[in-house]
């Protein structure tokens, strides 16, 4: 029993000694916080222009279906598939033998009718001399007059038949109605084609690609905005006639972007607007015209069309990579005069090159974090490296204006310049 008490007393003393040692130990020291390396840029003021973008389709300025106007066998094809042809250039030959014979028959009929007219005139002259002395009856005289009128009418009909047969003979040579690029020959030599107005056999098609049209639909709200802008401009310049001008006379610029392009290098202008809004879609069709001397644009291409909707103005722009995303909020990290980071919510405008327009929340000249913003916490110590960001060149790749800003991405190795 004494042994047990002695062991308990020694165990208590040992526990007390451990508690004293723990209470006297110093807390561990944390390593000093190192400054966080970040790259910063200054928000800049740039001249920009607001645009609306639409999806459109190219359409040749002229399109012709070349059809046979007479029936017969294809004798010869005188063009190469896909080449450029000139107006009135000979394309197909249809066997002319039958039409030549019909035309010669019509010409001979004219000579026959002329002879009958001459005979009728002679008979009428004799009848006139005889009626004066009452050698023939009035009825016989009138028959001679009617015979001459009939012969003259038959001559006119023969001449008309000759013109028709001459046209049929002419149509055995199928010529290009316009200058442009021709499609393949749908009918090959030796095949029979059927003539007719609107029902003739389709031989090929020709399109004129220079200039090229681009059609796109504009929603009703945009149309109303454009009209109010136009009325306001006409009021400011005190020119009421401005409202009644044709669209093509206003010289409104329009640019397009092809499927493999990032910018809008093709410049044209608007030249037509539909006369009514589509009741089903609530949109109206616009047309722009573009030079296409290099034949890059083909009819039927999908394109993005861009139309300016404002005059150039000064706006605050920052690199797209400097904008952070927090659910539906966009923000930047601003470095204050005390070199401390502070988060600031901003409102975004359109994307210009690799620069995003800031419409609210930031002033030109303020310093913001360009790289490393996801690692920065409010009040953190920073090691700042000022970056001279070069905006995209106007003809360098850019993103569409309605694209969402990129975040958490390393900046591109290509430096670029803002295009207004």
Protein backbone atom coordinates (compact mmCIF):
# COMPACT_ATOMS: atom_id res chain seq x y z
CA UNK A 1 0.00 0.00 0.00
CA UNK A 2 2.84 2.35 0.90
CA UNK A 3 4.53 1.44 -2.34
CA UNK A 4 1.43 2.50 -4.32
CA UNK A 5 1.21 5.83 -2.51
CA UNK A 6 4.89 6.50 -3.17
CA UNK A 7 4.47 5.82 -6.91
CA UNK A 8 1.44 8.14 -7.16
CA UNK A 9 3.32 10.93 -5.34
CA UNK A 10 6.29 10.64 -7.74
CA UNK A 11 3.98 10.61 -10.80
CA UNK A 12 2.31 13.87 -9.64
CA UNK A 13 5.66 15.54 -9.13
CA UNK A 14 6.75 14.53 -12.66
CA UNK A 15 3.55 15.97 -14.24
CA UNK A 16 3.98 19.24 -12.38
CA UNK A 17 7.54 19.50 -13.61
CA UNK A 18 6.45 19.01 -17.23
CA UNK A 19 3.77 21.70 -16.91
CA UNK A 20 6.34 24.14 -15.56
CA UNK A 21 8.69 23.41 -18.46
CA UNK A 22 5.88 23.85 -21.04
CA UNK A 23 4.73 27.13 -19.49
CA UNK A 24 8.24 28.58 -19.61
CA UNK A 25 8.89 27.63 -23.33
CA UNK A 26 9.02 30.54 -25.85
CA UNK A 27 6.44 30.56 -28.77
CA UNK A 28 7.93 29.72 -32.24
CA UNK A 29 8.83 32.72 -34.38
CA UNK A 30 7.24 32.89 -37.91
CA UNK A 31 9.56 33.75 -40.83
CA UNK A 32 9.26 37.36 -42.05
CA UNK A 33 6.73 37.85 -44.91
CA UNK A 34 8.53 38.47 -48.20
CA UNK A 35 7.26 41.15 -50.60
CA UNK A 36 5.08 39.74 -53.39
CA UNK A 37 6.41 40.33 -56.90
CA UNK A 38 3.84 41.82 -59.25
CA UNK A 39 3.89 43.64 -62.58
CA UNK A 40 1.86 46.82 -62.92
CA UNK A 41 0.74 49.12 -65.73
CA UNK A 42 -0.86 52.53 -65.86
CA UNK A 43 -4.42 52.92 -67.06
CA UNK A 44 -4.30 54.87 -70.31
CA UNK A 45 -6.62 57.18 -72.17
CA UNK A 46 -7.18 56.16 -75.80
CA UNK A 47 -9.38 57.39 -78.63
CA UNK A 48 -11.91 54.66 -79.39
CA UNK A 49 -15.09 54.25 -81.40
CA UNK A 50 -18.11 52.15 -80.44
CA UNK A 51 -19.26 49.53 -82.94
CA UNK A 52 -22.16 47.16 -83.41
CA UNK A 53 -21.37 43.75 -84.87
CA UNK A 54 -23.68 41.51 -86.88
CA UNK A 55 -23.46 38.18 -88.67
CA UNK A 56 -23.95 38.52 -92.41
CA UNK A 57 -23.50 36.70 -95.69
CA UNK A 58 -21.80 37.76 -98.88
CA UNK A 59 -23.76 37.87 -102.10
CA UNK A 60 -22.52 38.54 -105.63
CA UNK A 61 -23.53 41.92 -107.01
CA UNK A 62 -24.82 40.15 -110.15
CA UNK A 63 -25.85 36.52 -110.62
CA UNK A 64 -27.08 35.04 -113.91
CA UNK A 65 -28.35 31.57 -114.78
CA UNK A 66 -27.37 30.83 -118.36
CA UNK A 67 -30.18 28.80 -119.95
CA UNK A 68 -30.85 27.46 -123.43
CA UNK A 69 -33.40 29.50 -125.38
CA UNK A 70 -33.74 27.02 -128.27
CA UNK A 71 -33.94 23.24 -128.38
CA UNK A 72 -31.12 21.23 -129.89
CA UNK A 73 -27.92 19.32 -129.31
CA UNK A 74 -24.88 20.96 -127.69
CA UNK A 75 -22.25 21.13 -130.40
CA UNK A 76 -19.36 22.88 -128.65
CA UNK A 77 -18.32 24.46 -125.31
CA UNK A 78 -15.95 27.39 -125.64
CA UNK A 79 -14.88 28.19 -122.07
CA UNK A 80 -12.92 26.57 -119.25
CA UNK A 81 -14.72 25.78 -116.01
CA UNK A 82 -14.26 28.49 -113.39
CA UNK A 83 -12.58 31.07 -115.59
CA UNK A 84 -13.44 34.75 -115.89
CA UNK A 85 -15.56 35.59 -118.92
CA UNK A 86 -16.43 38.89 -120.57
CA UNK A 87 -19.83 40.21 -121.50
CA UNK A 88 -21.08 38.83 -124.87
CA UNK A 89 -18.35 36.17 -124.92
CA UNK A 90 -19.39 32.99 -126.78
CA UNK A 91 -19.94 30.11 -124.33
CA UNK A 92 -21.94 27.34 -126.05
CA UNK A 93 -22.89 26.40 -129.59
CA UNK A 94 -26.12 24.52 -130.28
CA UNK A 95 -26.44 22.76 -133.65
CA UNK A 96 -27.81 25.48 -135.96
CA UNK A 97 -28.70 23.41 -139.09
CA UNK A 98 -32.46 23.27 -138.53
CA UNK A 99 -32.66 26.94 -137.56
CA UNK A 100 -30.64 28.03 -140.59
CA UNK A 101 -33.06 26.15 -142.86
CA UNK A 102 -36.08 27.70 -141.13
CA UNK A 103 -34.56 31.15 -141.47
CA UNK A 104 -33.86 30.65 -145.18
CA UNK A 105 -37.44 29.42 -145.66
CA UNK A 106 -38.72 32.56 -143.92
CA UNK A 107 -36.58 34.77 -146.16
CA UNK A 108 -37.94 33.01 -149.25
CA UNK A 109 -41.48 33.52 -148.00
CA UNK A 110 -40.82 37.26 -147.81
CA UNK A 111 -39.86 37.24 -151.51
CA UNK A 112 -43.02 35.29 -152.28
CA UNK A 113 -45.18 37.77 -150.40
CA UNK A 114 -43.48 40.70 -152.14
CA UNK A 115 -44.35 39.14 -155.50
CA UNK A 116 -47.97 38.72 -154.45
CA UNK A 117 -48.08 42.33 -153.29
CA UNK A 118 -46.73 43.47 -156.68
CA UNK A 119 -49.31 41.40 -158.52
CA UNK A 120 -52.14 42.72 -156.36
CA UNK A 121 -51.03 46.29 -156.98
CA UNK A 122 -51.06 45.72 -160.76
CA UNK A 123 -54.52 44.19 -160.66
CA UNK A 124 -55.79 47.04 -158.52
CA UNK A 125 -54.36 49.62 -160.95
CA UNK A 126 -56.12 47.97 -163.89
CA UNK A 127 -59.33 47.66 -161.91
CA UNK A 128 -59.18 51.35 -161.05
CA UNK A 129 -58.90 52.34 -164.73
CA UNK A 130 -61.77 49.99 -165.62
CA UNK A 131 -64.06 51.14 -162.82
CA UNK A 132 -63.69 54.70 -164.04
CA UNK A 133 -65.33 53.69 -167.38
CA UNK A 134 -67.67 51.27 -165.59
CA UNK A 135 -66.11 48.28 -167.37
CA UNK A 136 -66.17 46.23 -164.14
CA UNK A 137 -68.53 46.15 -161.23
CA UNK A 138 -67.87 47.83 -157.89
CA UNK A 139 -67.68 44.40 -156.27
CA UNK A 140 -64.77 43.32 -158.49
CA UNK A 141 -62.94 46.54 -157.70
CA UNK A 142 -63.32 46.01 -153.97
CA UNK A 143 -62.07 42.42 -154.29
CA UNK A 144 -58.87 43.78 -155.88
CA UNK A 145 -58.46 46.27 -153.04
CA UNK A 146 -58.91 43.49 -150.46
CA UNK A 147 -56.47 41.26 -152.32
CA UNK A 148 -53.77 43.95 -152.09
CA UNK A 149 -54.41 44.50 -148.36
CA UNK A 150 -54.21 40.74 -147.74
CA UNK A 151 -50.96 40.42 -149.67
CA UNK A 152 -49.40 43.29 -147.73
CA UNK A 153 -50.47 41.73 -144.42
CA UNK A 154 -48.97 38.40 -145.45
CA UNK A 155 -45.73 40.18 -146.27
CA UNK A 156 -45.60 41.74 -142.80
CA UNK A 157 -46.30 38.33 -141.23
CA UNK A 158 -43.51 36.77 -143.32
CA UNK A 159 -41.09 39.47 -142.18
CA UNK A 160 -42.06 38.81 -138.55
CA UNK A 161 -41.51 35.08 -139.04
CA UNK A 162 -38.11 35.89 -140.47
CA UNK A 163 -37.21 37.92 -137.38
CA UNK A 164 -38.28 35.06 -135.11
CA UNK A 165 -36.29 32.51 -137.10
CA UNK A 166 -33.29 34.87 -137.09
CA UNK A 167 -33.52 35.13 -133.29
CA UNK A 168 -33.72 31.34 -132.95
CA UNK A 169 -30.66 31.05 -135.17
CA UNK A 170 -28.89 33.69 -133.06
CA UNK A 171 -29.77 31.83 -129.85
CA UNK A 172 -27.90 28.75 -131.08
CA UNK A 173 -24.84 30.72 -129.97
CA UNK A 174 -25.13 31.12 -126.20
CA UNK A 175 -23.22 34.21 -125.05
CA UNK A 176 -22.39 35.60 -121.63
CA UNK A 177 -24.87 38.30 -120.54
CA UNK A 178 -22.43 39.79 -117.97
CA UNK A 179 -18.74 39.86 -117.14
CA UNK A 180 -17.81 37.65 -114.21
CA UNK A 181 -16.64 34.25 -113.06
CA UNK A 182 -18.35 31.29 -114.69
CA UNK A 183 -19.24 27.98 -113.06
CA UNK A 184 -18.69 24.56 -114.62
CA UNK A 185 -20.58 23.49 -117.71
CA UNK A 186 -23.57 21.50 -116.45
CA UNK A 187 -24.32 20.07 -119.93
CA UNK A 188 -21.57 18.48 -122.00
CA UNK A 189 -21.36 18.33 -125.83
CA UNK A 190 -23.69 15.83 -127.49
CA UNK A 191 -26.53 16.26 -125.01
CA UNK A 192 -29.85 17.72 -126.02
CA UNK A 193 -31.15 20.87 -124.33
CA UNK A 194 -34.64 22.29 -124.26
CA UNK A 195 -35.33 25.93 -124.98
CA UNK A 196 -37.92 28.25 -123.53
CA UNK A 197 -38.38 31.42 -121.50
CA UNK A 198 -37.75 30.45 -117.88
CA UNK A 199 -37.98 26.73 -118.64
CA UNK A 200 -34.87 26.28 -120.75
CA UNK A 201 -32.19 23.83 -119.68
CA UNK A 202 -29.71 25.33 -117.21
CA UNK A 203 -26.28 25.36 -118.84
CA UNK A 204 -24.16 27.18 -116.22
CA UNK A 205 -24.15 30.19 -113.91
CA UNK A 206 -22.10 33.40 -113.86
CA UNK A 207 -21.49 35.64 -110.85
CA UNK A 208 -19.98 39.10 -110.68
CA UNK A 209 -17.96 39.27 -107.46
CA UNK A 210 -16.58 42.78 -107.83
CA UNK A 211 -18.09 44.66 -106.13
CA UNK A 212 -19.34 42.26 -103.49
CA UNK A 213 -22.49 42.76 -101.43
CA UNK A 214 -22.86 41.79 -97.77
CA UNK A 215 -26.36 41.44 -96.32
CA UNK A 216 -27.05 41.35 -92.59
CA UNK A 217 -30.08 41.75 -90.32
CA UNK A 218 -30.27 44.53 -87.73
CA UNK A 219 -32.64 44.34 -84.77
CA UNK A 220 -35.40 46.90 -84.31
CA UNK A 221 -33.81 48.56 -81.27
CA UNK A 222 -30.58 49.19 -83.16
CA UNK A 223 -32.53 50.64 -86.09
CA UNK A 224 -34.31 53.06 -83.76
CA UNK A 225 -31.01 54.06 -82.17
CA UNK A 226 -29.44 54.72 -85.56
CA UNK A 227 -32.41 56.80 -86.66
CA UNK A 228 -32.30 58.92 -83.51
CA UNK A 229 -28.56 59.44 -83.92
CA UNK A 230 -29.11 60.50 -87.53
CA UNK A 231 -31.87 62.93 -86.54
CA UNK A 232 -29.70 64.36 -83.78
CA UNK A 233 -26.79 64.84 -86.18
CA UNK A 234 -29.06 66.48 -88.76
CA UNK A 235 -30.37 68.83 -86.06
CA UNK A 236 -26.86 69.71 -84.90
CA UNK A 237 -25.67 70.62 -88.38
CA UNK A 238 -29.01 72.31 -89.13
CA UNK A 239 -29.64 70.23 -92.25
CA UNK A 240 -33.21 68.82 -92.34
CA UNK A 241 -32.51 67.32 -95.77
CA UNK A 242 -30.01 64.96 -94.11
CA UNK A 243 -32.92 62.77 -92.95
CA UNK A 244 -34.17 62.26 -96.51
CA UNK A 245 -30.84 61.25 -98.03
CA UNK A 246 -30.34 57.76 -99.41
CA UNK A 247 -28.25 55.47 -97.23
CA UNK A 248 -25.52 55.20 -99.86
CA UNK A 249 -25.20 59.00 -99.91
CA UNK A 250 -24.39 59.08 -96.18
CA UNK A 251 -21.12 57.14 -96.72
CA UNK A 252 -21.48 55.19 -93.47
CA UNK A 253 -18.43 52.92 -93.18
CA UNK A 254 -18.73 49.18 -92.64
CA UNK A 255 -16.00 46.59 -92.11
CA UNK A 256 -16.16 42.80 -92.31
CA UNK A 257 -14.23 39.92 -90.81
CA UNK A 258 -13.86 36.53 -92.52
CA UNK A 259 -13.96 33.20 -90.71
CA UNK A 260 -10.16 32.90 -90.42
CA UNK A 261 -9.51 36.53 -89.51
CA UNK A 262 -9.32 38.24 -86.11
CA UNK A 263 -9.56 41.84 -87.22
CA UNK A 264 -11.83 43.67 -89.69
CA UNK A 265 -9.49 44.46 -92.62
CA UNK A 266 -12.11 44.72 -95.39
CA UNK A 267 -13.54 48.22 -95.62
CA UNK A 268 -16.73 49.19 -97.41
CA UNK A 269 -19.82 51.28 -96.84
CA UNK A 270 -23.56 50.83 -96.36
CA UNK A 271 -25.60 51.43 -99.50
CA UNK A 272 -29.08 49.95 -98.95
CA UNK A 273 -31.68 49.43 -96.22
CA UNK A 274 -34.86 47.41 -96.60
CA UNK A 275 -38.08 49.43 -96.77
CA UNK A 276 -39.85 47.59 -93.95
CA UNK A 277 -39.16 45.64 -90.76
CA UNK A 278 -39.82 41.91 -90.86
CA UNK A 279 -42.88 41.26 -88.68
CA UNK A 280 -41.75 37.74 -87.76
CA UNK A 281 -38.19 38.55 -86.67
CA UNK A 282 -38.43 42.24 -85.78
CA UNK A 283 -35.35 42.97 -87.87
CA UNK A 284 -34.51 44.87 -91.02
CA UNK A 285 -32.00 43.96 -93.70
CA UNK A 286 -29.02 46.17 -94.51
CA UNK A 287 -26.53 45.86 -97.35
CA UNK A 288 -22.92 46.96 -97.56
CA UNK A 289 -20.76 47.10 -100.69
CA UNK A 290 -17.07 46.16 -100.86
CA UNK A 291 -14.37 46.25 -103.52
CA UNK A 292 -13.22 42.73 -104.36
CA UNK A 293 -10.56 43.15 -107.00
CA UNK A 294 -8.43 40.37 -105.51
CA UNK A 295 -11.46 38.01 -105.65
CA UNK A 296 -10.92 36.95 -102.03
CA UNK A 297 -14.60 37.29 -101.18
CA UNK A 298 -16.86 34.58 -102.58
CA UNK A 299 -20.62 34.65 -102.75
CA UNK A 300 -22.24 32.80 -99.84
CA UNK A 301 -19.53 33.37 -97.20
CA UNK A 302 -20.50 33.99 -93.58
CA UNK A 303 -18.87 37.16 -92.24
CA UNK A 304 -19.02 39.42 -89.21
CA UNK A 305 -19.97 42.98 -90.12
CA UNK A 306 -19.00 45.93 -87.94
CA UNK A 307 -20.71 49.33 -88.13
CA UNK A 308 -19.58 52.39 -86.11
CA UNK A 309 -22.29 53.77 -83.83
CA UNK A 310 -20.43 56.68 -82.26
CA UNK A 311 -17.92 59.37 -83.03
CA UNK A 312 -14.35 58.77 -81.76
CA UNK A 313 -14.02 59.66 -78.06
CA UNK A 314 -11.45 59.38 -75.26
CA UNK A 315 -11.84 56.36 -72.97
CA UNK A 316 -9.85 54.69 -70.20
CA UNK A 317 -8.37 51.38 -71.35
CA UNK A 318 -6.43 48.66 -69.54
CA UNK A 319 -4.94 45.34 -70.67
CA UNK A 320 -7.46 42.54 -70.75
CA UNK A 321 -5.22 40.37 -68.50
CA UNK A 322 -5.37 42.92 -65.68
CA UNK A 323 -9.12 42.38 -65.09
CA UNK A 324 -10.27 39.84 -62.52
CA UNK A 325 -13.59 38.02 -62.33
CA UNK A 326 -15.56 37.28 -59.16
CA UNK A 327 -18.86 35.66 -60.19
CA UNK A 328 -20.66 38.47 -62.04
CA UNK A 329 -18.31 41.20 -60.80
CA UNK A 330 -15.30 42.54 -62.66
CA UNK A 331 -12.50 44.18 -60.72
CA UNK A 332 -8.93 45.46 -60.89
CA UNK A 333 -6.26 45.69 -58.18
CA UNK A 334 -5.18 49.32 -57.80
CA UNK A 335 -1.83 50.18 -56.23
CA UNK A 336 -2.23 53.29 -54.08
CA UNK A 337 0.29 55.95 -53.18
CA UNK A 338 1.24 53.87 -50.11
CA UNK A 339 2.18 50.96 -52.45
CA UNK A 340 -0.62 48.87 -50.97
CA UNK A 341 -3.06 46.93 -53.21
CA UNK A 342 -6.78 47.63 -53.09
CA UNK A 343 -9.52 45.86 -55.00
CA UNK A 344 -11.84 48.09 -57.04
CA UNK A 345 -14.99 47.08 -58.91
CA UNK A 346 -15.20 48.39 -62.48
CA UNK A 347 -17.71 48.44 -65.33
CA UNK A 348 -16.49 47.24 -68.71
CA UNK A 349 -17.00 48.50 -72.23
CA UNK A 350 -16.00 46.95 -75.53
CA UNK A 351 -12.77 45.14 -76.28
CA UNK A 352 -10.35 47.08 -78.49
CA UNK A 353 -7.42 44.96 -79.55
CA UNK A 354 -6.15 43.44 -76.28
CA UNK A 355 -7.37 46.48 -74.33
CA UNK A 356 -10.66 46.66 -72.47
CA UNK A 357 -12.53 49.94 -72.16
CA UNK A 358 -13.37 50.85 -68.55
CA UNK A 359 -16.56 52.90 -68.43
CA UNK A 360 -16.70 53.34 -64.66
CA UNK A 361 -14.47 52.81 -61.63
CA UNK A 362 -11.01 53.77 -62.89
CA UNK A 363 -9.22 56.93 -63.95
CA UNK A 364 -6.48 57.40 -66.49
CA UNK A 365 -3.00 57.29 -64.92
CA UNK A 366 -3.91 55.01 -62.02
CA UNK A 367 -1.55 52.09 -61.45
CA UNK A 368 -3.03 48.60 -61.56
CA UNK A 369 -1.60 45.11 -61.23
CA UNK A 370 -1.03 43.48 -64.61
CA UNK A 371 0.42 40.08 -63.61
CA UNK A 372 -0.09 38.20 -60.36
CA UNK A 373 -3.41 39.75 -59.35
CA UNK A 374 -4.84 36.38 -58.27
CA UNK A 375 -2.11 36.02 -55.57
CA UNK A 376 -2.50 39.51 -54.15
CA UNK A 377 -4.38 40.11 -50.90
CA UNK A 378 -5.48 43.52 -49.53
CA UNK A 379 -2.73 45.19 -47.53
CA UNK A 380 0.01 42.86 -48.81
CA UNK A 381 3.58 44.09 -49.21
CA UNK A 382 4.46 44.34 -52.89
CA UNK A 383 7.61 44.31 -54.93
CA UNK A 384 6.45 46.28 -57.95
CA UNK A 385 7.82 45.99 -61.48
CA UNK A 386 6.36 48.67 -63.75
CA UNK A 387 5.54 47.29 -67.23
CA UNK A 388 5.25 49.35 -70.38
CA UNK A 389 2.43 47.50 -72.09
CA UNK A 390 2.29 48.02 -75.85
CA UNK A 391 -1.26 47.80 -77.18
CA UNK A 392 -2.16 45.75 -80.23
CA UNK A 393 -1.64 47.09 -83.72
CA UNK A 394 -4.93 47.82 -85.52
CA UNK A 395 -4.42 44.95 -87.97
CA UNK A 396 -3.21 42.45 -85.39
CA UNK A 397 -5.50 39.72 -84.07
CA UNK A 398 -8.22 41.02 -81.74
CA UNK A 399 -11.21 39.50 -80.09
CA UNK A 400 -14.83 40.43 -80.87
CA UNK A 401 -16.15 43.34 -78.87
CA UNK A 402 -18.74 41.24 -77.08
CA UNK A 403 -16.27 38.64 -75.77
CA UNK A 404 -15.82 38.20 -72.05
CA UNK A 405 -12.51 39.39 -70.55
CA UNK A 406 -9.77 36.84 -70.06
CA UNK A 407 -8.45 36.22 -66.55
CA UNK A 408 -5.78 34.11 -64.88
CA UNK A 409 -3.84 33.87 -68.12
CA UNK A 410 -0.26 34.75 -68.73
CA UNK A 411 0.06 37.71 -71.08
CA UNK A 412 0.72 36.90 -74.71
CA UNK A 413 4.25 37.13 -76.02
CA UNK A 414 2.94 39.31 -78.83
CA UNK A 415 2.72 42.94 -77.84
CA UNK A 416 0.08 44.94 -79.65
CA UNK A 417 -1.57 48.31 -80.19
CA UNK A 418 -5.10 49.61 -79.69
CA UNK A 419 -7.15 50.13 -82.83
CA UNK A 420 -9.84 52.75 -82.55
